[in-house]
N, C-alpha and C. Protein backbone atom coordinates (compact mmCIF):
# COMPACT_ATOMS: atom_id res chain seq x y z
N MET A 1 76.86 -23.76 -132.26
CA MET A 1 76.15 -22.75 -132.37
C MET A 1 74.44 -22.98 -131.65
N ALA A 2 73.58 -24.24 -131.88
CA ALA A 2 72.59 -24.82 -132.21
C ALA A 2 72.50 -24.70 -130.60
N ILE A 3 73.57 -25.53 -129.74
CA ILE A 3 73.19 -25.58 -128.46
C ILE A 3 73.03 -24.36 -127.83
N GLN A 4 73.82 -23.13 -128.09
CA GLN A 4 73.68 -22.27 -127.58
C GLN A 4 72.71 -21.41 -127.63
N ARG A 5 71.70 -21.30 -129.01
CA ARG A 5 70.25 -20.99 -128.92
C ARG A 5 69.16 -21.30 -128.33
N ARG A 6 69.22 -22.92 -128.26
CA ARG A 6 68.49 -23.58 -127.56
C ARG A 6 68.89 -22.78 -125.58
N LEU A 7 69.85 -23.36 -125.36
CA LEU A 7 69.99 -22.69 -124.23
C LEU A 7 69.79 -21.60 -124.15
N ARG A 8 70.13 -20.46 -124.68
CA ARG A 8 69.74 -19.00 -124.81
C ARG A 8 67.98 -19.08 -124.56
N ARG A 9 67.43 -19.84 -125.25
CA ARG A 9 65.91 -19.76 -125.25
C ARG A 9 65.25 -20.48 -123.91
N SER A 10 65.75 -21.15 -123.39
CA SER A 10 65.35 -22.11 -122.35
C SER A 10 65.69 -21.46 -120.85
N LEU A 11 66.86 -20.50 -120.94
CA LEU A 11 67.57 -19.63 -119.83
C LEU A 11 66.22 -18.42 -119.65
N SER A 12 66.74 -17.78 -121.19
CA SER A 12 66.06 -16.37 -121.47
C SER A 12 64.13 -16.63 -121.39
N PHE A 13 63.70 -15.76 -120.60
CA PHE A 13 62.33 -15.79 -120.61
C PHE A 13 61.81 -14.54 -120.26
N GLU A 14 61.54 -13.93 -121.91
CA GLU A 14 61.36 -12.34 -122.11
C GLU A 14 59.21 -12.62 -122.37
N LYS A 15 58.72 -11.59 -121.84
CA LYS A 15 57.25 -11.50 -122.24
C LYS A 15 57.28 -10.16 -122.75
N LYS A 16 56.89 -10.00 -124.38
CA LYS A 16 57.42 -8.26 -124.74
C LYS A 16 55.72 -8.42 -124.93
N SER A 17 54.78 -8.81 -124.43
CA SER A 17 53.59 -7.96 -124.63
C SER A 17 53.26 -7.19 -123.00
N SER A 18 54.11 -7.56 -121.75
CA SER A 18 53.56 -6.92 -121.00
C SER A 18 54.86 -5.43 -120.73
N SER A 19 54.25 -4.66 -120.20
CA SER A 19 54.76 -3.09 -119.77
C SER A 19 55.47 -3.27 -118.82
N LEU A 20 54.99 -4.35 -117.96
CA LEU A 20 55.94 -4.37 -116.61
C LEU A 20 57.09 -5.26 -116.53
N GLY A 21 57.24 -5.39 -117.53
CA GLY A 21 58.85 -6.24 -117.91
C GLY A 21 58.41 -7.75 -117.89
N ALA A 22 59.73 -8.45 -117.95
CA ALA A 22 59.23 -10.15 -118.31
C ALA A 22 58.96 -10.46 -116.83
N GLU A 23 58.15 -11.76 -116.47
CA GLU A 23 58.33 -12.04 -115.22
C GLU A 23 59.15 -13.47 -115.57
N VAL A 24 59.23 -13.58 -114.23
CA VAL A 24 60.21 -14.70 -113.53
C VAL A 24 59.78 -16.14 -112.83
N PRO A 25 59.43 -16.56 -113.60
CA PRO A 25 59.10 -17.78 -112.92
C PRO A 25 59.59 -18.28 -111.37
N LYS A 26 58.88 -19.15 -110.75
CA LYS A 26 59.20 -19.13 -109.33
C LYS A 26 60.17 -20.46 -109.49
N GLY A 27 61.27 -20.00 -108.51
CA GLY A 27 62.50 -20.76 -108.56
C GLY A 27 63.31 -20.79 -109.26
N HIS A 28 63.35 -19.19 -110.13
CA HIS A 28 64.19 -18.70 -110.83
C HIS A 28 64.80 -17.36 -110.40
N PHE A 29 65.89 -17.02 -110.95
CA PHE A 29 65.87 -15.48 -110.86
C PHE A 29 66.49 -14.72 -112.20
N ALA A 30 66.67 -13.57 -112.57
CA ALA A 30 67.22 -13.12 -113.26
C ALA A 30 68.42 -12.53 -113.34
N VAL A 31 69.05 -12.12 -114.50
CA VAL A 31 70.59 -11.79 -114.29
C VAL A 31 70.81 -11.28 -115.63
N TYR A 32 71.66 -10.11 -115.32
CA TYR A 32 71.96 -9.28 -116.72
C TYR A 32 73.40 -9.61 -116.92
N VAL A 33 73.95 -10.23 -118.17
CA VAL A 33 75.44 -10.40 -118.83
C VAL A 33 75.74 -9.93 -120.01
N GLY A 34 76.85 -9.61 -119.76
CA GLY A 34 77.85 -9.19 -120.64
C GLY A 34 78.61 -8.20 -120.43
N LEU A 35 79.65 -7.79 -121.13
CA LEU A 35 80.98 -6.85 -120.72
C LEU A 35 80.51 -5.69 -121.64
N ASN A 36 79.73 -5.66 -122.70
CA ASN A 36 79.16 -4.50 -123.62
C ASN A 36 77.74 -4.34 -123.49
N GLU A 37 77.31 -5.04 -124.53
CA GLU A 37 75.81 -5.13 -124.23
C GLU A 37 75.28 -6.18 -123.51
N LYS A 38 74.44 -5.62 -122.04
CA LYS A 38 73.75 -6.74 -121.53
C LYS A 38 72.62 -7.25 -121.74
N LYS A 39 72.75 -8.77 -121.54
CA LYS A 39 71.18 -9.34 -121.77
C LYS A 39 70.88 -9.99 -120.65
N ARG A 40 69.45 -10.27 -120.71
CA ARG A 40 68.93 -10.74 -119.84
C ARG A 40 68.73 -12.60 -119.81
N PHE A 41 68.81 -13.02 -118.81
CA PHE A 41 68.84 -14.19 -118.65
C PHE A 41 68.08 -15.22 -117.29
N VAL A 42 67.02 -15.64 -117.01
CA VAL A 42 66.38 -16.41 -115.83
C VAL A 42 66.39 -17.77 -115.71
N ILE A 43 67.54 -17.67 -114.58
CA ILE A 43 68.07 -19.11 -114.38
C ILE A 43 67.59 -19.90 -113.21
N PRO A 44 67.75 -20.70 -112.85
CA PRO A 44 67.11 -21.64 -111.61
C PRO A 44 67.78 -20.95 -110.74
N VAL A 45 67.42 -20.94 -109.08
CA VAL A 45 67.75 -20.65 -108.23
C VAL A 45 69.31 -21.48 -107.87
N SER A 46 68.70 -22.99 -107.91
CA SER A 46 69.82 -24.11 -108.19
C SER A 46 71.49 -23.54 -107.90
N PHE A 47 71.47 -22.91 -109.08
CA PHE A 47 73.15 -22.50 -109.85
C PHE A 47 73.67 -21.90 -108.36
N LEU A 48 72.71 -21.84 -107.71
CA LEU A 48 73.91 -20.44 -106.48
C LEU A 48 74.57 -21.41 -105.68
N ASN A 49 74.28 -22.82 -105.34
CA ASN A 49 75.05 -23.54 -104.84
C ASN A 49 76.04 -24.21 -105.55
N HIS A 50 76.27 -23.79 -106.80
CA HIS A 50 77.57 -24.11 -107.86
C HIS A 50 78.49 -22.97 -107.61
N SER A 51 80.02 -23.51 -107.04
CA SER A 51 81.27 -23.12 -107.16
C SER A 51 81.37 -22.35 -108.14
N SER A 52 81.28 -22.50 -109.37
CA SER A 52 81.54 -21.93 -110.95
C SER A 52 80.44 -20.65 -110.72
N PHE A 53 79.47 -20.67 -110.29
CA PHE A 53 78.46 -19.30 -110.31
C PHE A 53 78.58 -18.89 -109.22
N GLN A 54 79.41 -19.05 -108.34
CA GLN A 54 79.57 -18.68 -106.88
C GLN A 54 81.02 -17.39 -107.27
N GLU A 55 81.66 -18.04 -108.04
CA GLU A 55 82.84 -17.25 -108.63
C GLU A 55 82.30 -16.11 -109.58
N LEU A 56 81.06 -16.53 -110.26
CA LEU A 56 80.74 -15.28 -111.07
C LEU A 56 79.92 -13.96 -110.47
N LEU A 57 79.70 -14.72 -109.28
CA LEU A 57 78.97 -13.71 -108.06
C LEU A 57 80.16 -13.02 -107.44
N PHE A 58 80.89 -13.74 -107.11
CA PHE A 58 82.13 -13.12 -106.57
C PHE A 58 82.78 -11.74 -107.40
N GLN A 59 82.81 -12.07 -108.66
CA GLN A 59 83.14 -10.98 -109.76
C GLN A 59 82.35 -10.24 -109.85
N ALA A 60 81.17 -10.16 -109.53
CA ALA A 60 80.05 -9.22 -109.80
C ALA A 60 80.19 -8.13 -108.69
N GLU A 61 80.35 -8.49 -107.65
CA GLU A 61 80.79 -7.74 -106.17
C GLU A 61 81.74 -7.01 -106.43
N GLU A 62 82.96 -7.62 -106.94
CA GLU A 62 84.12 -6.90 -107.27
C GLU A 62 83.97 -6.02 -107.83
N GLU A 63 83.29 -6.14 -108.68
CA GLU A 63 83.13 -4.79 -110.28
C GLU A 63 81.67 -3.98 -109.73
N TYR A 64 80.94 -4.50 -109.36
CA TYR A 64 79.59 -3.16 -109.20
C TYR A 64 79.28 -3.60 -107.41
N GLY A 65 80.01 -3.85 -106.65
CA GLY A 65 79.39 -3.65 -105.24
C GLY A 65 78.06 -4.15 -105.17
N PHE A 66 76.79 -3.59 -104.41
CA PHE A 66 75.94 -3.69 -104.31
C PHE A 66 75.07 -2.65 -105.26
N ASP A 67 75.34 -2.26 -106.38
CA ASP A 67 75.45 -1.29 -107.36
C ASP A 67 75.23 -1.49 -108.43
N HIS A 68 73.95 -2.68 -109.02
CA HIS A 68 74.36 -3.03 -110.00
C HIS A 68 73.47 -1.75 -111.11
N PRO A 69 74.23 -1.57 -112.00
CA PRO A 69 73.96 -0.49 -113.28
C PRO A 69 72.19 -0.96 -113.88
N MET A 70 71.68 -2.13 -113.75
CA MET A 70 70.64 -2.41 -114.65
C MET A 70 69.60 -3.11 -113.84
N GLY A 71 70.21 -2.39 -112.71
CA GLY A 71 68.33 -2.47 -111.68
C GLY A 71 68.65 -3.95 -111.05
N GLY A 72 69.62 -4.93 -111.37
CA GLY A 72 69.50 -6.22 -111.14
C GLY A 72 70.85 -6.78 -111.09
N LEU A 73 70.80 -8.38 -110.68
CA LEU A 73 72.18 -8.69 -110.38
C LEU A 73 72.85 -8.45 -111.72
N THR A 74 74.18 -7.95 -112.13
CA THR A 74 74.82 -8.29 -113.09
C THR A 74 76.13 -8.39 -113.31
N ILE A 75 76.10 -9.38 -114.19
CA ILE A 75 77.55 -10.28 -113.79
C ILE A 75 78.35 -9.90 -115.16
N PRO A 76 79.71 -9.43 -114.94
CA PRO A 76 80.48 -9.11 -115.88
C PRO A 76 81.45 -10.23 -116.29
N CYS A 77 80.63 -10.72 -116.94
CA CYS A 77 81.53 -11.78 -117.69
C CYS A 77 80.66 -11.87 -119.17
N SER A 78 81.79 -12.63 -120.52
CA SER A 78 81.22 -13.09 -121.89
C SER A 78 79.91 -13.22 -121.38
N GLU A 79 78.99 -13.12 -122.64
CA GLU A 79 77.80 -13.73 -122.90
C GLU A 79 78.02 -15.55 -123.40
N ASP A 80 79.06 -15.85 -124.20
CA ASP A 80 79.52 -17.28 -124.35
C ASP A 80 79.96 -17.76 -123.32
N LEU A 81 81.05 -16.99 -122.15
CA LEU A 81 81.30 -17.87 -121.15
C LEU A 81 80.23 -18.42 -119.98
N PHE A 82 79.12 -17.17 -119.88
CA PHE A 82 78.08 -17.38 -119.31
C PHE A 82 77.51 -18.58 -119.37
N ILE A 83 76.95 -18.69 -121.11
CA ILE A 83 76.10 -20.03 -121.61
C ILE A 83 77.05 -20.78 -121.37
N ASP A 84 78.14 -20.84 -121.14
CA ASP A 84 79.25 -22.37 -121.12
C ASP A 84 78.79 -22.93 -119.80
N ILE A 85 78.80 -21.76 -118.84
CA ILE A 85 78.97 -22.24 -117.58
C ILE A 85 77.48 -22.47 -117.23
N ALA A 86 76.17 -22.04 -117.84
CA ALA A 86 75.23 -22.36 -117.13
C ALA A 86 74.40 -23.71 -117.84
N SER A 87 75.34 -23.96 -118.99
CA SER A 87 74.77 -25.57 -119.86
C SER A 87 75.58 -26.52 -118.70
N ARG A 88 76.86 -26.38 -118.38
CA ARG A 88 77.27 -27.25 -117.52
C ARG A 88 76.59 -27.43 -116.42
N LEU A 89 75.89 -26.45 -115.84
CA LEU A 89 74.96 -26.62 -114.59
C LEU A 89 73.79 -27.03 -114.76
N SER A 90 73.76 -26.92 -115.63
CA SER A 90 72.15 -27.35 -116.30
C SER A 90 72.29 -28.98 -116.41
N ARG A 91 73.30 -29.38 -116.85
CA ARG A 91 73.79 -30.85 -117.08
C ARG A 91 73.65 -32.04 -115.65
N ALA A 92 74.06 -30.55 -114.85
CA ALA A 92 74.62 -31.50 -113.72
C ALA A 92 73.44 -32.11 -112.45
């Protein structure tokens, strides 16, 4: 569980003081993940090169097409699955 919290902190970047929303560092992009409640994660662009992340993108396309309900890329999988995939990609 501690690994998931550390990963969540390292992947998710929220700026609470800004009314414009959270900033995304250069070389990263934001995604929304979850089956019911969506959680925002900021992840490296390099994830796009990995087949396991590309599969998540395919699922998002199948589920939402290009109309994402959160206004950004929404990935329809459980938060636990996403954290597992992201942690493996971070180590690669």
